[in-house]
PDB file of N, CA and C in Angstrom:
ATOM      1  N   UNK A   1     -11.119  -2.665   0.880  1.00  0.00           N
ATOM      2  CA  UNK A   1     -11.987  -1.670   0.111  1.00  0.00           C
ATOM      3  C   UNK A   1     -11.233  -0.468  -0.550  1.00  0.00           C
ATOM      4  N   UNK A   2     -11.327  -0.207  -1.697  1.00  0.00           N
ATOM      5  CA  UNK A   2     -10.537   0.937  -2.500  1.00  0.00           C
ATOM      6  C   UNK A   2     -11.667   2.031  -2.794  1.00  0.00           C
ATOM      7  N   UNK A   3     -11.437   3.221  -2.648  1.00  0.00           N
ATOM      8  CA  UNK A   3     -11.997   4.358  -3.318  1.00  0.00           C
ATOM      9  C   UNK A   3     -11.152   4.973  -4.411  1.00  0.00           C
ATOM     10  N   UNK A   4     -11.869   5.013  -5.621  1.00  0.00           N
ATOM     11  CA  UNK A   4     -11.301   5.417  -6.864  1.00  0.00           C
ATOM     12  C   UNK A   4     -11.777   6.793  -7.022  1.00  0.00           C
ATOM     13  N   UNK A   5     -10.991   7.804  -7.105  1.00  0.00           N
ATOM     14  CA  UNK A   5     -10.995   9.238  -7.559  1.00  0.00           C
ATOM     15  C   UNK A   5     -11.032   9.310  -8.969  1.00  0.00           C
ATOM     16  N   UNK A   6     -10.021   9.033  -9.444  1.00  0.00           N
ATOM     17  CA  UNK A   6     -10.099   9.345 -10.963  1.00  0.00           C
ATOM     18  C   UNK A   6      -8.919   8.353 -11.647  1.00  0.00           C
ATOM     19  N   UNK A   7      -8.577   8.527 -12.924  1.00  0.00           N
ATOM     20  CA  UNK A   7      -7.651   7.473 -13.477  1.00  0.00           C
ATOM     21  C   UNK A   7      -6.353   7.212 -13.000  1.00  0.00           C
ATOM     22  N   UNK A   8      -5.927   8.135 -12.206  1.00  0.00           N
ATOM     23  CA  UNK A   8      -4.620   8.169 -11.454  1.00  0.00           C
ATOM     24  C   UNK A   8      -4.568   8.024 -10.001  1.00  0.00           C
ATOM     25  N   UNK A   9      -5.657   8.190  -9.311  1.00  0.00           N
ATOM     26  CA  UNK A   9      -5.639   8.260  -7.724  1.00  0.00           C
ATOM     27  C   UNK A   9      -6.692   7.529  -7.236  1.00  0.00           C
ATOM     28  N   UNK A  10      -6.239   6.505  -6.188  1.00  0.00           N
ATOM     29  CA  UNK A  10      -7.333   5.694  -5.436  1.00  0.00           C
ATOM     30  C   UNK A  10      -6.764   5.721  -3.824  1.00  0.00           C
ATOM     31  N   UNK A  11      -7.549   5.199  -3.324  1.00  0.00           N
ATOM     32  CA  UNK A  11      -7.164   5.213  -1.866  1.00  0.00           C
ATOM     33  C   UNK A  11      -7.665   3.855  -1.026  1.00  0.00           C
ATOM     34  N   UNK A  12      -6.725   3.242  -0.361  1.00  0.00           N
ATOM     35  CA  UNK A  12      -7.048   2.151   0.280  1.00  0.00           C
ATOM     36  C   UNK A  12      -7.713   2.404   1.595  1.00  0.00           C
ATOM     37  N   UNK A  13      -9.044   2.075   1.875  1.00  0.00           N
ATOM     38  CA  UNK A  13      -9.656   2.627   3.024  1.00  0.00           C
ATOM     39  C   UNK A  13     -10.002   1.557   4.006  1.00  0.00           C
ATOM     40  N   UNK A  14      -9.456   0.276   3.827  1.00  0.00           N
ATOM     41  CA  UNK A  14      -9.582  -0.630   4.988  1.00  0.00           C
ATOM     42  C   UNK A  14      -8.496  -1.661   4.676  1.00  0.00           C
ATOM     43  N   UNK A  15      -8.154  -2.431   5.707  1.00  0.00           N
ATOM     44  CA  UNK A  15      -7.045  -3.374   5.539  1.00  0.00           C
ATOM     45  C   UNK A  15      -7.375  -4.631   6.412  1.00  0.00           C
ATOM     46  N   UNK A  16      -6.632  -5.686   6.108  1.00  0.00           N
ATOM     47  CA  UNK A  16      -6.871  -6.996   6.829  1.00  0.00           C
ATOM     48  C   UNK A  16      -6.108  -6.951   8.026  1.00  0.00           C
ATOM     49  N   UNK A  17      -6.452  -7.649   9.208  1.00  0.00           N
ATOM     50  CA  UNK A  17      -5.595  -7.881  10.341  1.00  0.00           C
ATOM     51  C   UNK A  17      -6.186  -9.075  11.058  1.00  0.00           C
ATOM     52  N   UNK A  18      -5.211  -9.823  11.654  1.00  0.00           N
ATOM     53  CA  UNK A  18      -5.564 -11.100  12.220  1.00  0.00           C
ATOM     54  C   UNK A  18      -5.017 -10.982  13.694  1.00  0.00           C
ATOM     55  N   UNK A  19      -6.008 -10.807  14.507  1.00  0.00           N
ATOM     56  CA  UNK A  19      -5.786 -10.428  15.966  1.00  0.00           C
ATOM     57  C   UNK A  19      -5.067 -11.628  16.552  1.00  0.00           C
ATOM     58  N   UNK A  20      -5.697 -12.957  16.193  1.00  0.00           N
ATOM     59  CA  UNK A  20      -4.977 -14.019  16.837  1.00  0.00           C
ATOM     60  C   UNK A  20      -3.653 -14.390  16.373  1.00  0.00           C
ATOM     61  N   UNK A  21      -3.223 -13.908  15.119  1.00  0.00           N
ATOM     62  CA  UNK A  21      -1.885 -14.066  14.823  1.00  0.00           C
ATOM     63  C   UNK A  21      -1.400 -12.989  13.907  1.00  0.00           C
ATOM     64  N   UNK A  22      -0.934 -11.855  14.807  1.00  0.00           N
ATOM     65  CA  UNK A  22      -0.344 -10.608  14.169  1.00  0.00           C
ATOM     66  C   UNK A  22       0.863 -10.683  13.437  1.00  0.00           C
ATOM     67  N   UNK A  23       1.524 -11.659  13.790  1.00  0.00           N
ATOM     68  CA  UNK A  23       2.878 -11.837  13.021  1.00  0.00           C
ATOM     69  C   UNK A  23       2.532 -12.290  11.483  1.00  0.00           C
ATOM     70  N   UNK A  24       1.400 -12.580  11.114  1.00  0.00           N
ATOM     71  CA  UNK A  24       0.979 -12.811   9.530  1.00  0.00           C
ATOM     72  C   UNK A  24       1.325 -11.534   8.915  1.00  0.00           C
ATOM     73  N   UNK A  25       1.267 -10.364   9.609  1.00  0.00           N
ATOM     74  CA  UNK A  25       1.360  -9.115   8.880  1.00  0.00           C
ATOM     75  C   UNK A  25       0.379  -8.937   7.675  1.00  0.00           C
ATOM     76  N   UNK A  26      -0.822  -9.399   7.968  1.00  0.00           N
ATOM     77  CA  UNK A  26      -1.670  -9.416   6.879  1.00  0.00           C
ATOM     78  C   UNK A  26      -2.048  -7.752   6.342  1.00  0.00           C
ATOM     79  N   UNK A  27      -2.014  -6.959   7.026  1.00  0.00           N
ATOM     80  CA  UNK A  27      -2.272  -5.559   6.660  1.00  0.00           C
ATOM     81  C   UNK A  27      -1.133  -4.983   5.662  1.00  0.00           C
ATOM     82  N   UNK A  28      -0.049  -5.463   6.058  1.00  0.00           N
ATOM     83  CA  UNK A  28       1.196  -5.066   5.253  1.00  0.00           C
ATOM     84  C   UNK A  28       1.193  -5.718   3.982  1.00  0.00           C
ATOM     85  N   UNK A  29       0.892  -7.106   3.969  1.00  0.00           N
ATOM     86  CA  UNK A  29       0.857  -7.839   2.828  1.00  0.00           C
ATOM     87  C   UNK A  29      -0.138  -7.453   1.840  1.00  0.00           C
ATOM     88  N   UNK A  30      -1.458  -7.053   2.397  1.00  0.00           N
ATOM     89  CA  UNK A  30      -2.443  -6.689   1.698  1.00  0.00           C
ATOM     90  C   UNK A  30      -2.265  -5.296   1.141  1.00  0.00           C
ATOM     91  N   UNK A  31      -1.535  -4.384   1.816  1.00  0.00           N
ATOM     92  CA  UNK A  31      -1.264  -3.163   1.044  1.00  0.00           C
ATOM     93  C   UNK A  31      -0.135  -3.170  -0.031  1.00  0.00           C
ATOM     94  N   UNK A  32       0.737  -4.114   0.045  1.00  0.00           N
ATOM     95  CA  UNK A  32       1.848  -4.446  -1.064  1.00  0.00           C
ATOM     96  C   UNK A  32       1.130  -4.973  -1.995  1.00  0.00           C
ATOM     97  N   UNK A  33       0.275  -5.836  -1.991  1.00  0.00           N
ATOM     98  CA  UNK A  33      -0.416  -6.501  -2.980  1.00  0.00           C
ATOM     99  C   UNK A  33      -1.319  -5.386  -3.823  1.00  0.00           C
ATOM    100  N   UNK A  34      -2.192  -4.594  -2.900  1.00  0.00           N
ATOM    101  CA  UNK A  34      -2.883  -3.518  -3.479  1.00  0.00           C
ATOM    102  C   UNK A  34      -2.135  -2.485  -4.315  1.00  0.00           C
ATOM    103  N   UNK A  35      -0.950  -2.076  -3.803  1.00  0.00           N
ATOM    104  CA  UNK A  35      -0.117  -1.125  -4.636  1.00  0.00           C
ATOM    105  C   UNK A  35       0.295  -1.751  -5.890  1.00  0.00           C
ATOM    106  N   UNK A  36       0.688  -2.971  -5.815  1.00  0.00           N
ATOM    107  CA  UNK A  36       1.091  -3.593  -7.036  1.00  0.00           C
ATOM    108  C   UNK A  36      -0.017  -3.742  -8.232  1.00  0.00           C
ATOM    109  N   UNK A  37      -1.173  -4.224  -7.585  1.00  0.00           N
ATOM    110  CA  UNK A  37      -2.307  -4.212  -8.496  1.00  0.00           C
ATOM    111  C   UNK A  37      -2.805  -2.968  -9.139  1.00  0.00           C
ATOM    112  N   UNK A  38      -2.827  -1.768  -8.264  1.00  0.00           N
ATOM    113  CA  UNK A  38      -3.206  -0.570  -8.924  1.00  0.00           C
ATOM    114  C   UNK A  38      -2.178   0.072  -9.603  1.00  0.00           C
ATOM    115  N   UNK A  39      -0.947  -0.122  -9.479  1.00  0.00           N
ATOM    116  CA  UNK A  39       0.087   0.382 -10.385  1.00  0.00           C
ATOM    117  C   UNK A  39      -0.136  -0.308 -11.704  1.00  0.00           C
ATOM    118  N   UNK A  40      -0.212  -1.665 -11.718  1.00  0.00           N
ATOM    119  CA  UNK A  40      -0.266  -2.387 -13.015  1.00  0.00           C
ATOM    120  C   UNK A  40      -1.630  -1.943 -13.657  1.00  0.00           C
ATOM    121  N   UNK A  41      -2.631  -1.565 -13.032  1.00  0.00           N
ATOM    122  CA  UNK A  41      -3.831  -0.874 -13.639  1.00  0.00           C
ATOM    123  C   UNK A  41      -3.595   0.574 -14.182  1.00  0.00           C
ATOM    124  N   UNK A  42      -2.414   1.132 -13.831  1.00  0.00           N
ATOM    125  CA  UNK A  42      -2.038   2.394 -14.404  1.00  0.00           C
ATOM    126  C   UNK A  42      -2.058   3.582 -13.508  1.00  0.00           C
ATOM    127  N   UNK A  43      -2.462   3.373 -12.316  1.00  0.00           N
ATOM    128  CA  UNK A  43      -2.821   4.464 -11.410  1.00  0.00           C
ATOM    129  C   UNK A  43      -1.397   5.098 -10.879  1.00  0.00           C
ATOM    130  N   UNK A  44      -1.379   6.370 -10.737  1.00  0.00           N
ATOM    131  CA  UNK A  44      -0.051   6.981 -10.350  1.00  0.00           C
ATOM    132  C   UNK A  44      -0.010   6.879  -8.931  1.00  0.00           C
ATOM    133  N   UNK A  45      -1.125   7.044  -8.006  1.00  0.00           N
ATOM    134  CA  UNK A  45      -1.098   6.962  -6.514  1.00  0.00           C
ATOM    135  C   UNK A  45      -2.075   6.109  -5.983  1.00  0.00           C
ATOM    136  N   UNK A  46      -1.626   5.402  -4.922  1.00  0.00           N
ATOM    137  CA  UNK A  46      -2.647   4.755  -4.075  1.00  0.00           C
ATOM    138  C   UNK A  46      -2.257   5.286  -2.681  1.00  0.00           C
ATOM    139  N   UNK A  47      -3.386   6.070  -2.093  1.00  0.00           N
ATOM    140  CA  UNK A  47      -3.080   6.720  -0.826  1.00  0.00           C
ATOM    141  C   UNK A  47      -3.598   5.585   0.159  1.00  0.00           C
ATOM    142  N   UNK A  48      -2.612   5.454   1.253  1.00  0.00           N
ATOM    143  CA  UNK A  48      -2.806   4.235   2.272  1.00  0.00           C
ATOM    144  C   UNK A  48      -2.850   4.726   3.705  1.00  0.00           C
ATOM    145  N   UNK A  49      -3.445   5.921   3.728  1.00  0.00           N
ATOM    146  CA  UNK A  49      -3.814   6.327   5.127  1.00  0.00           C
ATOM    147  C   UNK A  49      -2.508   7.030   5.795  1.00  0.00           C
ATOM    148  N   UNK A  50      -2.351   7.093   7.060  1.00  0.00           N
ATOM    149  CA  UNK A  50      -1.409   7.802   7.907  1.00  0.00           C
ATOM    150  C   UNK A  50      -0.076   7.028   7.852  1.00  0.00           C
ATOM    151  N   UNK A  51       0.996   7.803   7.991  1.00  0.00           N
ATOM    152  CA  UNK A  51       2.271   7.436   7.968  1.00  0.00           C
ATOM    153  C   UNK A  51       2.862   6.372   9.010  1.00  0.00           C
ATOM    154  N   UNK A  52       1.992   5.281   9.151  1.00  0.00           N
ATOM    155  CA  UNK A  52       2.342   4.344  10.308  1.00  0.00           C
ATOM    156  C   UNK A  52       3.724   3.674  10.058  1.00  0.00           C
ATOM    157  N   UNK A  53       4.424   3.504  11.330  1.00  0.00           N
ATOM    158  CA  UNK A  53       5.902   2.911  11.169  1.00  0.00           C
ATOM    159  C   UNK A  53       5.978   1.633  10.178  1.00  0.00           C
ATOM    160  N   UNK A  54       4.925   0.521  10.397  1.00  0.00           N
ATOM    161  CA  UNK A  54       5.098  -0.569   9.611  1.00  0.00           C
ATOM    162  C   UNK A  54       5.078  -0.272   8.140  1.00  0.00           C
ATOM    163  N   UNK A  55       4.506   0.766   7.749  1.00  0.00           N
ATOM    164  CA  UNK A  55       4.392   1.069   6.197  1.00  0.00           C
ATOM    165  C   UNK A  55       5.818   1.584   5.710  1.00  0.00           C
ATOM    166  N   UNK A  56       6.703   1.664   6.585  1.00  0.00           N
ATOM    167  CA  UNK A  56       8.174   2.141   5.933  1.00  0.00           C
ATOM    168  C   UNK A  56       8.670   0.784   5.509  1.00  0.00           C
ATOM    169  N   UNK A  57       8.153  -0.485   5.601  1.00  0.00           N
ATOM    170  CA  UNK A  57       8.875  -1.447   5.095  1.00  0.00           C
ATOM    171  C   UNK A  57       8.439  -1.702   3.586  1.00  0.00           C
ATOM    172  N   UNK A  58       7.577  -0.841   3.041  1.00  0.00           N
ATOM    173  CA  UNK A  58       6.946  -0.799   1.468  1.00  0.00           C
ATOM    174  C   UNK A  58       7.870  -0.178   0.757  1.00  0.00           C
ATOM    175  N   UNK A  59       8.449  -0.608  -0.245  1.00  0.00           N
ATOM    176  CA  UNK A  59       9.234  -0.057  -1.232  1.00  0.00           C
ATOM    177  C   UNK A  59       8.480   1.095  -1.906  1.00  0.00           C
ATOM    178  N   UNK A  60       8.948   2.307  -2.190  1.00  0.00           N
ATOM    179  CA  UNK A  60       8.317   3.477  -3.004  1.00  0.00           C
ATOM    180  C   UNK A  60       7.219   4.227  -2.064  1.00  0.00           C
ATOM    181  N   UNK A  61       7.418   3.876  -0.853  1.00  0.00           N
ATOM    182  CA  UNK A  61       6.438   4.727   0.017  1.00  0.00           C
ATOM    183  C   UNK A  61       6.945   6.359  -0.014  1.00  0.00           C
ATOM    184  N   UNK A  62       5.792   7.135  -0.127  1.00  0.00           N
ATOM    185  CA  UNK A  62       6.101   8.710  -0.115  1.00  0.00           C
ATOM    186  C   UNK A  62       4.954   9.290   0.764  1.00  0.00           C
ATOM    187  N   UNK A  63       5.391   9.973   1.714  1.00  0.00           N
ATOM    188  CA  UNK A  63       4.661  10.643   2.738  1.00  0.00           C
ATOM    189  C   UNK A  63       4.147  12.191   2.177  1.00  0.00           C
ATOM    190  N   UNK A  64       2.761  12.074   2.076  1.00  0.00           N
ATOM    191  CA  UNK A  64       2.200  13.392   1.531  1.00  0.00           C
ATOM    192  C   UNK A  64       1.819  14.483   2.837  1.00  0.00           C
ATOM    193  N   UNK A  65       2.131  15.522   2.345  1.00  0.00           N
ATOM    194  CA  UNK A  65       1.857  16.790   3.357  1.00  0.00           C
ATOM    195  C   UNK A  65       0.286  16.702   3.710  1.00  0.00           C
ATOM    196  N   UNK A  66      -0.006  17.224   4.891  1.00  0.00           N
ATOM    197  CA  UNK A  66      -1.479  17.201   5.208  1.00  0.00           C
ATOM    198  C   UNK A  66      -2.182  18.219   4.196  1.00  0.00           C
ATOM    199  N   UNK A  67      -3.508  17.737   3.810  1.00  0.00           N
ATOM    200  CA  UNK A  67      -4.154  18.543   2.948  1.00  0.00           C
ATOM    201  C   UNK A  67      -5.557  18.602   3.674  1.00  0.00           C
ATOM    202  N   UNK A  68      -6.387  19.766   3.061  1.00  0.00           N
ATOM    203  CA  UNK A  68      -7.629  20.176   3.363  1.00  0.00           C
ATOM    204  C   UNK A  68      -8.598  20.397   2.239  1.00  0.00           C
ATOM    205  N   UNK A  69      -9.800  20.072   2.255  1.00  0.00           N
ATOM    206  CA  UNK A  69     -10.709  20.473   1.005  1.00  0.00           C
ATOM    207  C   UNK A  69     -11.112  21.795   1.413  1.00  0.00           C
ATOM    208  N   UNK A  70     -10.801  22.879   0.629  1.00  0.00           N
ATOM    209  CA  UNK A  70     -11.203  24.338   1.005  1.00  0.00           C
ATOM    210  C   UNK A  70     -11.829  24.647  -0.329  1.00  0.00           C
ATOM    211  N   UNK A  71     -12.991  25.469  -0.318  1.00  0.00           N
ATOM    212  CA  UNK A  71     -13.611  25.981  -1.593  1.00  0.00           C
ATOM    213  C   UNK A  71     -13.370  25.243  -2.727  1.00  0.00           C
ATOM    214  N   UNK A  72     -14.017  23.772  -2.562  1.00  0.00           N
ATOM    215  CA  UNK A  72     -14.155  22.967  -3.637  1.00  0.00           C
ATOM    216  C   UNK A  72     -12.675  22.548  -4.204  1.00  0.00           C
ATOM    217  N   UNK A  73     -11.563  22.593  -3.738  1.00  0.00           N
ATOM    218  CA  UNK A  73     -10.267  22.093  -4.081  1.00  0.00           C
ATOM    219  C   UNK A  73      -9.454  21.715  -2.971  1.00  0.00           C
ATOM    220  N   UNK A  74      -8.347  20.965  -3.333  1.00  0.00           N
ATOM    221  CA  UNK A  74      -7.467  20.537  -2.329  1.00  0.00           C
ATOM    222  C   UNK A  74      -6.488  21.498  -2.003  1.00  0.00           C
ATOM    223  N   UNK A  75      -6.136  21.947  -0.651  1.00  0.00           N
ATOM    224  CA  UNK A  75      -5.233  22.835  -0.266  1.00  0.00           C
ATOM    225  C   UNK A  75      -4.101  22.128   0.539  1.00  0.00           C
ATOM    226  N   UNK A  76      -2.908  22.232   0.222  1.00  0.00           N
ATOM    227  CA  UNK A  76      -1.661  21.526   0.979  1.00  0.00           C
ATOM    228  C   UNK A  76      -1.762  22.294   2.326  1.00  0.00           C
ATOM    229  N   UNK A  77      -1.414  21.378   3.246  1.00  0.00           N
ATOM    230  CA  UNK A  77      -1.289  21.765   4.813  1.00  0.00           C
ATOM    231  C   UNK A  77      -2.690  22.424   5.261  1.00  0.00           C
ATOM    232  N   UNK A  78      -3.566  22.533   4.392  1.00  0.00           N
ATOM    233  CA  UNK A  78      -4.904  23.253   4.795  1.00  0.00           C
ATOM    234  C   UNK A  78      -4.728  24.828   5.084  1.00  0.00           C
ATOM    235  N   UNK A  79      -3.577  25.468   4.803  1.00  0.00           N
ATOM    236  CA  UNK A  79      -3.422  26.707   5.071  1.00  0.00           C
ATOM    237  C   UNK A  79      -3.074  27.452   3.864  1.00  0.00           C
ATOM    238  N   UNK A  80      -3.259  26.903   2.769  1.00  0.00           N
ATOM    239  CA  UNK A  80      -2.817  27.635   1.492  1.00  0.00           C
ATOM    240  C   UNK A  80      -3.963  28.794   1.279  1.00  0.00           C
ATOM    241  N   UNK A  81      -3.333  29.964   0.960  1.00  0.00           N
ATOM    242  CA  UNK A  81      -4.052  31.121   0.811  1.00  0.00           C
ATOM    243  C   UNK A  81      -5.083  31.000  -0.343  1.00  0.00           C
ATOM    244  N   UNK A  82      -6.384  31.083  -0.046  1.00  0.00           N
ATOM    245  CA  UNK A  82      -7.455  31.049  -1.057  1.00  0.00           C
ATOM    246  C   UNK A  82      -7.457  32.449  -1.684  1.00  0.00           C
ATOM    247  N   UNK A  83      -7.679  32.485  -3.053  1.00  0.00           N
ATOM    248  CA  UNK A  83      -7.474  33.790  -3.626  1.00  0.00           C
ATOM    249  C   UNK A  83      -8.805  34.404  -3.372  1.00  0.00           C
ATOM    250  N   UNK A  84      -8.796  35.868  -3.070  1.00  0.00           N
ATOM    251  CA  UNK A  84      -9.975  36.592  -2.833  1.00  0.00           C
ATOM    252  C   UNK A  84     -10.396  36.444  -1.463  1.00  0.00           C
ATOM    253  N   UNK A  85      -9.752  36.039  -0.545  1.00  0.00           N
ATOM    254  CA  UNK A  85     -10.035  35.763   0.793  1.00  0.00           C
ATOM    255  C   UNK A  85      -9.072  36.346   1.717  1.00  0.00           C
TER     256      UNK A  85
END
């Protein structure tokens, strides 16, 4: 399942997993496919959740600083000074 935020940003919010045969690495294969698909569609970023170790196997992985939604806008690290406060 993918959440699309705008023309450049989407988020993969679910993945596939096979508990009977984890060596299939369905989650990683699914993420690689989703990244390629959304890149082809013109998206700049596909957010894929936390920086789990297995994701380091993906080419082009970037880790984003923590963010928080404050006063109707995104704030890096959640500690960015909000003007007027």
